[in-house]
Amino acid sequence: MNQTKAIQIHGKPLGGGVLPIIITPMVGRTAPAILDEVAAIVPKQPDLLEWRIDFFAGIGDPKVVVDTAQAIRRAAGGIPVLLTRRNVTEGGEPIAIAEAAVVEMYIAACQAHCVEMIDYELSNAPAELERLREVSAANGISMVMSYHNFQLTPDAATMDGKFSAAHRLGADVAKVAVMPKTVQDVLALLAATDRARQTIDIPLITMAMGGIGSLSRIAGWMYGSAATFAVGKSSSAPGQIAIEELRSTLAIVRKAVTGQ
């Protein structure tokens, strides 16, 4: 089995190098709601918290964003934070600000060093992707470049192209999430993950969403996905599994595969 590349923060692998790491989303609309989520999630000890800021009512005010991110970090007990605005075209919540303001929000967060990672879609304008890559790199913030398709699983060439584009554009992590209609679609996503593991030298995050895709959340690490998403308190995508159940299942599968 080819080596699955671990996601690193400041030169150290998340989860101590144990694969896959578990990411839990936070989807509160207000700062108190988000901090309630953090309080519920932290005892379950995920490896990474994802703040889905497209749910957040204060997304248009960079100071509010930075202040809230800092409050999350204080409450997180050392668990790093991934800041994600998911575009509505890729399954995110509608927001009332223009893309230029989204970019400025991300820049403010990077410059304040209040998160460890950011996620930005490959479908965004090349100039905005390049600008966020420059700012995040200059501030030591890791950048996920992502692609999500909530309608279907694209063909192999399309998925391969998304991985290649993230690598070419300088991403620290490439993410591809698709919606399967059949078991064959799930296998196609896993095969694309394995091809990317063999051809690009950055960590990958992949999943097939929905109930039929749950296998990818449990076994994707065997094919090259360094992370899986689990429900800590609230779900952010179809098919996510409760963190307690996912951790137990992963332990069983990992022991069977690796003997550890």
C-alpha atoms as a PDB file:
ATOM      1  CA  MET A   1       0.000   0.000   0.000  1.00  0.00           C
ATOM      2  CA  ASN A   2       1.404   3.386  -0.996  1.00  0.00           C
ATOM      3  CA  GLN A   3       2.015   5.882   1.775  1.00  0.00           C
ATOM      4  CA  THR A   4      -0.854   8.221   2.656  1.00  0.00           C
ATOM      5  CA  LYS A   5       0.601  11.662   3.340  1.00  0.00           C
ATOM      6  CA  ALA A   6      -0.261  13.181   6.724  1.00  0.00           C
ATOM      7  CA  ILE A   7      -1.508  16.747   7.090  1.00  0.00           C
ATOM      8  CA  GLN A   8       1.008  18.851   8.947  1.00  0.00           C
ATOM      9  CA  ILE A   9       0.737  22.018  11.001  1.00  0.00           C
ATOM     10  CA  HIS A  10       3.981  23.873  11.676  1.00  0.00           C
ATOM     11  CA  GLY A  11       5.962  20.860  10.493  1.00  0.00           C
ATOM     12  CA  LYS A  12       4.256  18.334  12.759  1.00  0.00           C
ATOM     13  CA  PRO A  13       1.668  15.775  11.597  1.00  0.00           C
ATOM     14  CA  LEU A  14      -1.817  16.200  12.975  1.00  0.00           C
ATOM     15  CA  GLY A  15      -3.003  13.304  15.092  1.00  0.00           C
ATOM     16  CA  GLY A  16       0.565  12.269  15.768  1.00  0.00           C
ATOM     17  CA  GLY A  17       0.668  10.753  12.306  1.00  0.00           C
ATOM     18  CA  VAL A  18      -2.158   8.289  12.990  1.00  0.00           C
ATOM     19  CA  LEU A  19      -4.439   8.136   9.943  1.00  0.00           C
ATOM     20  CA  PRO A  20      -6.987   9.336   9.270  1.00  0.00           C
ATOM     21  CA  ILE A  21      -7.283  12.446  11.402  1.00  0.00           C
ATOM     22  CA  ILE A  22     -10.814  13.328  12.469  1.00  0.00           C
ATOM     23  CA  ILE A  23     -12.207  16.767  11.637  1.00  0.00           C
ATOM     24  CA  THR A  24     -15.399  18.029  13.273  1.00  0.00           C
ATOM     25  CA  PRO A  25     -17.414  20.980  11.915  1.00  0.00           C
ATOM     26  CA  MET A  26     -18.887  23.918  13.812  1.00  0.00           C
ATOM     27  CA  VAL A  27     -21.910  25.571  12.236  1.00  0.00           C
ATOM     28  CA  GLY A  28     -23.217  28.043  14.811  1.00  0.00           C
ATOM     29  CA  ARG A  29     -24.712  31.320  13.591  1.00  0.00           C
ATOM     30  CA  THR A  30     -23.536  33.378  16.569  1.00  0.00           C
ATOM     31  CA  ALA A  31     -20.406  33.451  18.697  1.00  0.00           C
ATOM     32  CA  PRO A  32     -22.195  32.005  21.768  1.00  0.00           C
ATOM     33  CA  ALA A  33     -23.622  29.184  19.641  1.00  0.00           C
ATOM     34  CA  ILE A  34     -20.186  28.386  18.239  1.00  0.00           C
ATOM     35  CA  LEU A  35     -18.589  28.382  21.670  1.00  0.00           C
ATOM     36  CA  ASP A  36     -21.340  26.030  22.877  1.00  0.00           C
ATOM     37  CA  GLU A  37     -20.352  23.715  20.014  1.00  0.00           C
ATOM     38  CA  VAL A  38     -16.685  23.946  20.979  1.00  0.00           C
ATOM     39  CA  ALA A  39     -17.534  23.062  24.583  1.00  0.00           C
ATOM     40  CA  ALA A  40     -19.467  19.998  23.408  1.00  0.00           C
ATOM     41  CA  ILE A  41     -16.851  18.890  20.872  1.00  0.00           C
ATOM     42  CA  VAL A  42     -13.533  19.391  22.687  1.00  0.00           C
ATOM     43  CA  PRO A  43     -14.053  16.546  25.219  1.00  0.00           C
ATOM     44  CA  LYS A  44     -14.421  14.198  22.216  1.00  0.00           C
ATOM     45  CA  GLN A  45     -10.892  15.169  21.130  1.00  0.00           C
ATOM     46  CA  PRO A  46     -11.027  15.550  17.352  1.00  0.00           C
ATOM     47  CA  ASP A  47      -7.742  16.315  15.635  1.00  0.00           C
ATOM     48  CA  LEU A  48      -9.010  19.457  13.877  1.00  0.00           C
ATOM     49  CA  LEU A  49     -11.974  21.811  14.301  1.00  0.00           C
ATOM     50  CA  GLU A  50     -13.535  23.199  11.126  1.00  0.00           C
ATOM     51  CA  TRP A  51     -15.294  26.536  11.553  1.00  0.00           C
ATOM     52  CA  ARG A  52     -17.852  26.697   8.739  1.00  0.00           C
ATOM     53  CA  ILE A  53     -18.049  30.446   8.671  1.00  0.00           C
ATOM     54  CA  ASP A  54     -20.661  30.557   5.898  1.00  0.00           C
ATOM     55  CA  PHE A  55     -23.163  29.710   8.666  1.00  0.00           C
ATOM     56  CA  PHE A  56     -21.930  32.643  10.796  1.00  0.00           C
ATOM     57  CA  ALA A  57     -24.035  35.813  10.867  1.00  0.00           C
ATOM     58  CA  GLY A  58     -20.961  37.986  11.481  1.00  0.00           C
ATOM     59  CA  ILE A  59     -18.996  36.832   8.432  1.00  0.00           C
ATOM     60  CA  GLY A  60     -19.033  40.347   6.940  1.00  0.00           C
ATOM     61  CA  ASP A  61     -17.107  41.949   9.817  1.00  0.00           C
ATOM     62  CA  PRO A  62     -13.425  40.869   9.851  1.00  0.00           C
ATOM     63  CA  LYS A  63     -12.957  42.079  13.427  1.00  0.00           C
ATOM     64  CA  VAL A  64     -15.870  39.975  14.649  1.00  0.00           C
ATOM     65  CA  VAL A  65     -14.474  37.010  12.724  1.00  0.00           C
ATOM     66  CA  VAL A  66     -11.006  37.421  14.243  1.00  0.00           C
ATOM     67  CA  ASP A  67     -12.374  37.953  17.757  1.00  0.00           C
ATOM     68  CA  THR A  68     -14.567  34.873  17.473  1.00  0.00           C
ATOM     69  CA  ALA A  69     -11.725  32.775  16.046  1.00  0.00           C
ATOM     70  CA  GLN A  70      -9.524  33.805  18.950  1.00  0.00           C
ATOM     71  CA  ALA A  71     -12.281  32.833  21.389  1.00  0.00           C
ATOM     72  CA  ILE A  72     -12.561  29.444  19.667  1.00  0.00           C
ATOM     73  CA  ARG A  73      -8.825  28.886  20.029  1.00  0.00           C
ATOM     74  CA  ARG A  74      -8.900  29.787  23.715  1.00  0.00           C
ATOM     75  CA  ALA A  75     -11.679  27.262  24.261  1.00  0.00           C
ATOM     76  CA  ALA A  76     -10.254  24.573  21.987  1.00  0.00           C
ATOM     77  CA  GLY A  77      -7.602  23.256  24.360  1.00  0.00           C
ATOM     78  CA  GLY A  78      -4.876  23.260  21.712  1.00  0.00           C
ATOM     79  CA  ILE A  79      -6.949  21.630  18.937  1.00  0.00           C
ATOM     80  CA  PRO A  80      -6.107  23.534  15.724  1.00  0.00           C
ATOM     81  CA  VAL A  81      -8.762  25.325  13.680  1.00  0.00           C
ATOM     82  CA  LEU A  82      -9.575  25.191   9.963  1.00  0.00           C
ATOM     83  CA  LEU A  83     -11.484  28.240   8.684  1.00  0.00           C
ATOM     84  CA  THR A  84     -13.867  27.408   5.831  1.00  0.00           C
ATOM     85  CA  ARG A  85     -16.299  29.547   3.869  1.00  0.00           C
ATOM     86  CA  ARG A  86     -18.074  27.024   1.699  1.00  0.00           C
ATOM     87  CA  ASN A  87     -19.341  28.604  -1.512  1.00  0.00           C
ATOM     88  CA  VAL A  88     -23.078  28.195  -2.073  1.00  0.00           C
ATOM     89  CA  THR A  89     -22.300  26.668  -5.470  1.00  0.00           C
ATOM     90  CA  GLU A  90     -20.475  23.858  -3.643  1.00  0.00           C
ATOM     91  CA  GLY A  91     -22.959  23.148  -0.885  1.00  0.00           C
ATOM     92  CA  GLY A  92     -22.426  26.143   1.380  1.00  0.00           C
ATOM     93  CA  GLU A  93     -24.874  28.525   3.004  1.00  0.00           C
ATOM     94  CA  PRO A  94     -25.952  31.732   1.209  1.00  0.00           C
ATOM     95  CA  ILE A  95     -24.089  34.782   2.510  1.00  0.00           C
ATOM     96  CA  ALA A  96     -24.761  38.498   2.079  1.00  0.00           C
ATOM     97  CA  ILE A  97     -21.245  39.648   1.198  1.00  0.00           C
ATOM     98  CA  ALA A  98     -19.377  39.737  -2.104  1.00  0.00           C
ATOM     99  CA  GLU A  99     -16.427  37.459  -2.862  1.00  0.00           C
ATOM    100  CA  ALA A 100     -13.988  40.355  -2.428  1.00  0.00           C
ATOM    101  CA  ALA A 101     -15.168  40.698   1.168  1.00  0.00           C
ATOM    102  CA  VAL A 102     -14.762  36.955   1.695  1.00  0.00           C
ATOM    103  CA  VAL A 103     -11.156  37.224   0.557  1.00  0.00           C
ATOM    104  CA  GLU A 104     -10.558  40.150   2.923  1.00  0.00           C
ATOM    105  CA  MET A 105     -12.076  38.128   5.776  1.00  0.00           C
ATOM    106  CA  TYR A 106      -9.657  35.280   5.079  1.00  0.00           C
ATOM    107  CA  ILE A 107      -6.730  37.703   4.847  1.00  0.00           C
ATOM    108  CA  ALA A 108      -7.635  39.267   8.207  1.00  0.00           C
ATOM    109  CA  ALA A 109      -7.747  35.816   9.808  1.00  0.00           C
ATOM    110  CA  CYS A 110      -4.379  34.845   8.308  1.00  0.00           C
ATOM    111  CA  GLN A 111      -2.709  38.067   9.393  1.00  0.00           C
ATOM    112  CA  ALA A 112      -4.132  37.730  12.909  1.00  0.00           C
ATOM    113  CA  HIS A 113      -2.824  34.132  13.120  1.00  0.00           C
ATOM    114  CA  CYS A 114      -6.119  33.144  14.742  1.00  0.00           C
ATOM    115  CA  VAL A 115      -6.498  29.884  12.764  1.00  0.00           C
ATOM    116  CA  GLU A 116      -4.059  27.242  11.574  1.00  0.00           C
ATOM    117  CA  MET A 117      -5.623  26.447   8.197  1.00  0.00           C
ATOM    118  CA  ILE A 118      -7.972  27.921   5.607  1.00  0.00           C
ATOM    119  CA  ASP A 119     -10.044  26.264   2.863  1.00  0.00           C
ATOM    120  CA  TYR A 120     -10.817  27.956  -0.465  1.00  0.00           C
ATOM    121  CA  GLU A 121     -12.452  26.413  -3.511  1.00  0.00           C
ATOM    122  CA  LEU A 122     -10.634  25.804  -6.770  1.00  0.00           C
ATOM    123  CA  SER A 123     -13.679  27.215  -8.574  1.00  0.00           C
ATOM    124  CA  ASN A 124     -12.902  30.721  -7.337  1.00  0.00           C
ATOM    125  CA  ALA A 125     -11.190  33.319  -9.505  1.00  0.00           C
ATOM    126  CA  PRO A 126      -7.505  32.506 -10.137  1.00  0.00           C
ATOM    127  CA  ALA A 127      -6.412  35.936  -8.894  1.00  0.00           C
ATOM    128  CA  GLU A 128      -8.227  35.430  -5.573  1.00  0.00           C
ATOM    129  CA  LEU A 129      -6.783  31.942  -5.150  1.00  0.00           C
ATOM    130  CA  GLU A 130      -3.307  33.283  -5.838  1.00  0.00           C
ATOM    131  CA  ARG A 131      -3.722  36.178  -3.418  1.00  0.00           C
ATOM    132  CA  LEU A 132      -4.907  33.948  -0.589  1.00  0.00           C
ATOM    133  CA  ARG A 133      -2.076  31.511  -1.279  1.00  0.00           C
ATOM    134  CA  GLU A 134       0.452  34.326  -1.010  1.00  0.00           C
ATOM    135  CA  VAL A 135      -1.036  35.768   2.185  1.00  0.00           C
ATOM    136  CA  SER A 136      -1.552  32.423   3.899  1.00  0.00           C
ATOM    137  CA  ALA A 137       1.958  31.245   3.047  1.00  0.00           C
ATOM    138  CA  ALA A 138       3.481  34.513   4.244  1.00  0.00           C
ATOM    139  CA  ASN A 139       1.729  34.058   7.606  1.00  0.00           C
ATOM    140  CA  GLY A 140       2.423  30.345   8.036  1.00  0.00           C
ATOM    141  CA  ILE A 141      -1.216  29.332   7.531  1.00  0.00           C
ATOM    142  CA  SER A 142      -1.815  26.066   5.678  1.00  0.00           C
ATOM    143  CA  MET A 143      -4.193  26.231   2.716  1.00  0.00           C
ATOM    144  CA  VAL A 144      -6.649  23.591   1.538  1.00  0.00           C
ATOM    145  CA  MET A 145      -7.778  23.988  -2.076  1.00  0.00           C
ATOM    146  CA  SER A 146     -11.043  22.154  -2.529  1.00  0.00           C
ATOM    147  CA  TYR A 147     -13.664  20.895  -4.951  1.00  0.00           C
ATOM    148  CA  HIS A 148     -17.169  19.733  -3.996  1.00  0.00           C
ATOM    149  CA  ASN A 149     -19.879  18.292  -6.218  1.00  0.00           C
ATOM    150  CA  PHE A 150     -23.193  17.717  -4.438  1.00  0.00           C
ATOM    151  CA  GLN A 151     -24.947  16.538  -7.586  1.00  0.00           C
ATOM    152  CA  LEU A 152     -22.839  13.657  -8.865  1.00  0.00           C
ATOM    153  CA  THR A 153     -19.468  11.942  -9.088  1.00  0.00           C
ATOM    154  CA  PRO A 154     -17.587  13.354 -12.088  1.00  0.00           C
ATOM    155  CA  ASP A 155     -15.534  11.255 -14.448  1.00  0.00           C
ATOM    156  CA  ALA A 156     -11.998  10.165 -13.626  1.00  0.00           C
ATOM    157  CA  ALA A 157     -10.360  12.874 -15.738  1.00  0.00           C
ATOM    158  CA  THR A 158     -12.263  15.624 -13.889  1.00  0.00           C
ATOM    159  CA  MET A 159     -11.335  14.312 -10.451  1.00  0.00           C
ATOM    160  CA  ASP A 160      -7.711  13.802 -11.486  1.00  0.00           C
ATOM    161  CA  GLY A 161      -7.692  17.366 -12.813  1.00  0.00           C
ATOM    162  CA  LYS A 162      -8.894  18.809  -9.502  1.00  0.00           C
ATOM    163  CA  PHE A 163      -6.091  17.117  -7.576  1.00  0.00           C
ATOM    164  CA  SER A 164      -3.536  18.263 -10.143  1.00  0.00           C
ATOM    165  CA  ALA A 165      -4.831  21.841 -10.107  1.00  0.00           C
ATOM    166  CA  ALA A 166      -4.541  22.099  -6.313  1.00  0.00           C
ATOM    167  CA  HIS A 167      -0.997  20.794  -6.478  1.00  0.00           C
ATOM    168  CA  ARG A 168      -0.033  23.129  -9.341  1.00  0.00           C
ATOM    169  CA  LEU A 169      -1.479  26.163  -7.544  1.00  0.00           C
ATOM    170  CA  GLY A 170       0.560  25.496  -4.410  1.00  0.00           C
ATOM    171  CA  ALA A 171      -2.026  24.036  -2.033  1.00  0.00           C
ATOM    172  CA  ASP A 172      -0.831  22.427   1.170  1.00  0.00           C
ATOM    173  CA  VAL A 173      -3.763  20.007   0.969  1.00  0.00           C
ATOM    174  CA  ALA A 174      -6.038  19.000  -1.932  1.00  0.00           C
ATOM    175  CA  LYS A 175      -9.660  18.161  -1.145  1.00  0.00           C
ATOM    176  CA  VAL A 176     -12.252  16.490  -3.387  1.00  0.00           C
ATOM    177  CA  ALA A 177     -15.788  15.636  -2.219  1.00  0.00           C
ATOM    178  CA  VAL A 178     -18.416  14.144  -4.532  1.00  0.00           C
ATOM    179  CA  MET A 179     -21.954  12.768  -4.415  1.00  0.00           C
ATOM    180  CA  PRO A 180     -22.225   9.110  -5.415  1.00  0.00           C
ATOM    181  CA  LYS A 181     -25.309   7.643  -7.055  1.00  0.00           C
ATOM    182  CA  THR A 182     -24.013   4.062  -7.064  1.00  0.00           C
ATOM    183  CA  VAL A 183     -21.446   1.906  -5.318  1.00  0.00           C
ATOM    184  CA  GLN A 184     -19.339   2.224  -8.473  1.00  0.00           C
ATOM    185  CA  ASP A 185     -19.200   5.993  -7.906  1.00  0.00           C
ATOM    186  CA  VAL A 186     -17.738   5.414  -4.440  1.00  0.00           C
ATOM    187  CA  LEU A 187     -15.125   3.095  -5.920  1.00  0.00           C
ATOM    188  CA  ALA A 188     -14.338   5.714  -8.586  1.00  0.00           C
ATOM    189  CA  LEU A 189     -13.664   8.327  -5.875  1.00  0.00           C
ATOM    190  CA  LEU A 190     -11.400   5.936  -3.975  1.00  0.00           C
ATOM    191  CA  ALA A 191      -9.539   5.034  -7.182  1.00  0.00           C
ATOM    192  CA  ALA A 192      -9.039   8.730  -7.988  1.00  0.00           C
ATOM    193  CA  THR A 193      -7.690   9.244  -4.461  1.00  0.00           C
ATOM    194  CA  ASP A 194      -5.221   6.415  -4.933  1.00  0.00           C
ATOM    195  CA  ARG A 195      -4.050   7.806  -8.287  1.00  0.00           C
ATOM    196  CA  ALA A 196      -3.511  11.226  -6.744  1.00  0.00           C
ATOM    197  CA  ARG A 197      -1.545   9.709  -3.865  1.00  0.00           C
ATOM    198  CA  GLN A 198       0.821   8.216  -6.405  1.00  0.00           C
ATOM    199  CA  THR A 199       1.224  11.318  -8.566  1.00  0.00           C
ATOM    200  CA  ILE A 200       1.208  14.405  -6.324  1.00  0.00           C
ATOM    201  CA  ASP A 201       3.204  15.019  -3.180  1.00  0.00           C
ATOM    202  CA  ILE A 202       0.727  16.845  -0.937  1.00  0.00           C
ATOM    203  CA  PRO A 203      -1.804  15.383   1.517  1.00  0.00           C
ATOM    204  CA  LEU A 204      -5.314  14.637   0.296  1.00  0.00           C
ATOM    205  CA  ILE A 205      -8.780  14.806   1.811  1.00  0.00           C
ATOM    206  CA  THR A 206     -11.495  12.963  -0.095  1.00  0.00           C
ATOM    207  CA  MET A 207     -14.946  11.615   0.518  1.00  0.00           C
ATOM    208  CA  ALA A 208     -18.029  10.342  -1.220  1.00  0.00           C
ATOM    209  CA  MET A 209     -20.953  11.991   0.555  1.00  0.00           C
ATOM    210  CA  GLY A 210     -24.325  10.618   1.594  1.00  0.00           C
ATOM    211  CA  GLY A 211     -25.168   7.267   3.126  1.00  0.00           C
ATOM    212  CA  ILE A 212     -23.835   5.225   0.232  1.00  0.00           C
ATOM    213  CA  GLY A 213     -20.528   7.054   0.506  1.00  0.00           C
ATOM    214  CA  SER A 214     -19.985   6.335   4.201  1.00  0.00           C
ATOM    215  CA  LEU A 215     -17.467   3.633   3.309  1.00  0.00           C
ATOM    216  CA  SER A 216     -15.142   6.364   2.027  1.00  0.00           C
ATOM    217  CA  ARG A 217     -15.259   8.074   5.422  1.00  0.00           C
ATOM    218  CA  ILE A 218     -14.169   4.858   7.117  1.00  0.00           C
ATOM    219  CA  ALA A 219     -11.723   3.392   4.592  1.00  0.00           C
ATOM    220  CA  GLY A 220     -10.613   6.412   2.552  1.00  0.00           C
ATOM    221  CA  TRP A 221      -7.308   6.618   4.441  1.00  0.00           C
ATOM    222  CA  MET A 222      -6.316   3.268   2.938  1.00  0.00           C
ATOM    223  CA  TYR A 223      -6.512   4.869  -0.512  1.00  0.00           C
ATOM    224  CA  GLY A 224      -4.775   8.133   0.351  1.00  0.00           C
ATOM    225  CA  SER A 225      -7.191  10.395   2.228  1.00  0.00           C
ATOM    226  CA  ALA A 226      -5.498  11.817   5.301  1.00  0.00           C
ATOM    227  CA  ALA A 227      -8.663  12.992   7.016  1.00  0.00           C
ATOM    228  CA  THR A 228     -12.309  12.181   7.591  1.00  0.00           C
ATOM    229  CA  PHE A 229     -15.138  14.336   8.905  1.00  0.00           C
ATOM    230  CA  ALA A 230     -17.305  13.379  11.876  1.00  0.00           C
ATOM    231  CA  VAL A 231     -20.200  14.927  13.745  1.00  0.00           C
ATOM    232  CA  GLY A 232     -19.139  16.436  17.050  1.00  0.00           C
ATOM    233  CA  LYS A 233     -22.415  18.246  17.679  1.00  0.00           C
ATOM    234  CA  SER A 234     -23.848  19.246  14.278  1.00  0.00           C
ATOM    235  CA  SER A 235     -23.363  17.890  10.766  1.00  0.00           C
ATOM    236  CA  SER A 236     -22.119  20.029   7.869  1.00  0.00           C
ATOM    237  CA  ALA A 237     -22.593  17.513   5.030  1.00  0.00           C
ATOM    238  CA  PRO A 238     -24.694  14.417   4.311  1.00  0.00           C
ATOM    239  CA  GLY A 239     -23.269  11.110   5.471  1.00  0.00           C
ATOM    240  CA  GLN A 240     -21.131  12.355   8.347  1.00  0.00           C
ATOM    241  CA  ILE A 241     -20.924   9.876  11.240  1.00  0.00           C
ATOM    242  CA  ALA A 242     -20.919  10.675  14.965  1.00  0.00           C
ATOM    243  CA  ILE A 243     -17.341  11.029  16.184  1.00  0.00           C
ATOM    244  CA  GLU A 244     -17.669   8.326  18.852  1.00  0.00           C
ATOM    245  CA  GLU A 245     -18.980   5.774  16.351  1.00  0.00           C
ATOM    246  CA  LEU A 246     -16.454   6.742  13.706  1.00  0.00           C
ATOM    247  CA  ARG A 247     -13.500   6.519  16.078  1.00  0.00           C
ATOM    248  CA  SER A 248     -14.533   3.037  17.238  1.00  0.00           C
ATOM    249  CA  THR A 249     -15.017   1.843  13.673  1.00  0.00           C
ATOM    250  CA  LEU A 250     -11.706   3.307  12.536  1.00  0.00           C
ATOM    251  CA  ALA A 251      -9.916   1.552  15.389  1.00  0.00           C
ATOM    252  CA  ILE A 252     -11.335  -1.802  14.301  1.00  0.00           C
ATOM    253  CA  VAL A 253     -10.471  -1.249  10.645  1.00  0.00           C
ATOM    254  CA  ARG A 254      -7.006   0.124  11.426  1.00  0.00           C
ATOM    255  CA  LYS A 255      -6.169  -2.898  13.583  1.00  0.00           C
ATOM    256  CA  ALA A 256      -7.307  -5.270  10.846  1.00  0.00           C
ATOM    257  CA  VAL A 257      -5.284  -3.452   8.183  1.00  0.00           C
ATOM    258  CA  THR A 258      -2.129  -2.511  10.085  1.00  0.00           C
ATOM    259  CA  GLY A 259      -2.175  -4.755  13.139  1.00  0.00           C
ATOM    260  CA  GLN A 260      -2.027  -1.690  15.369  1.00  0.00           C
END
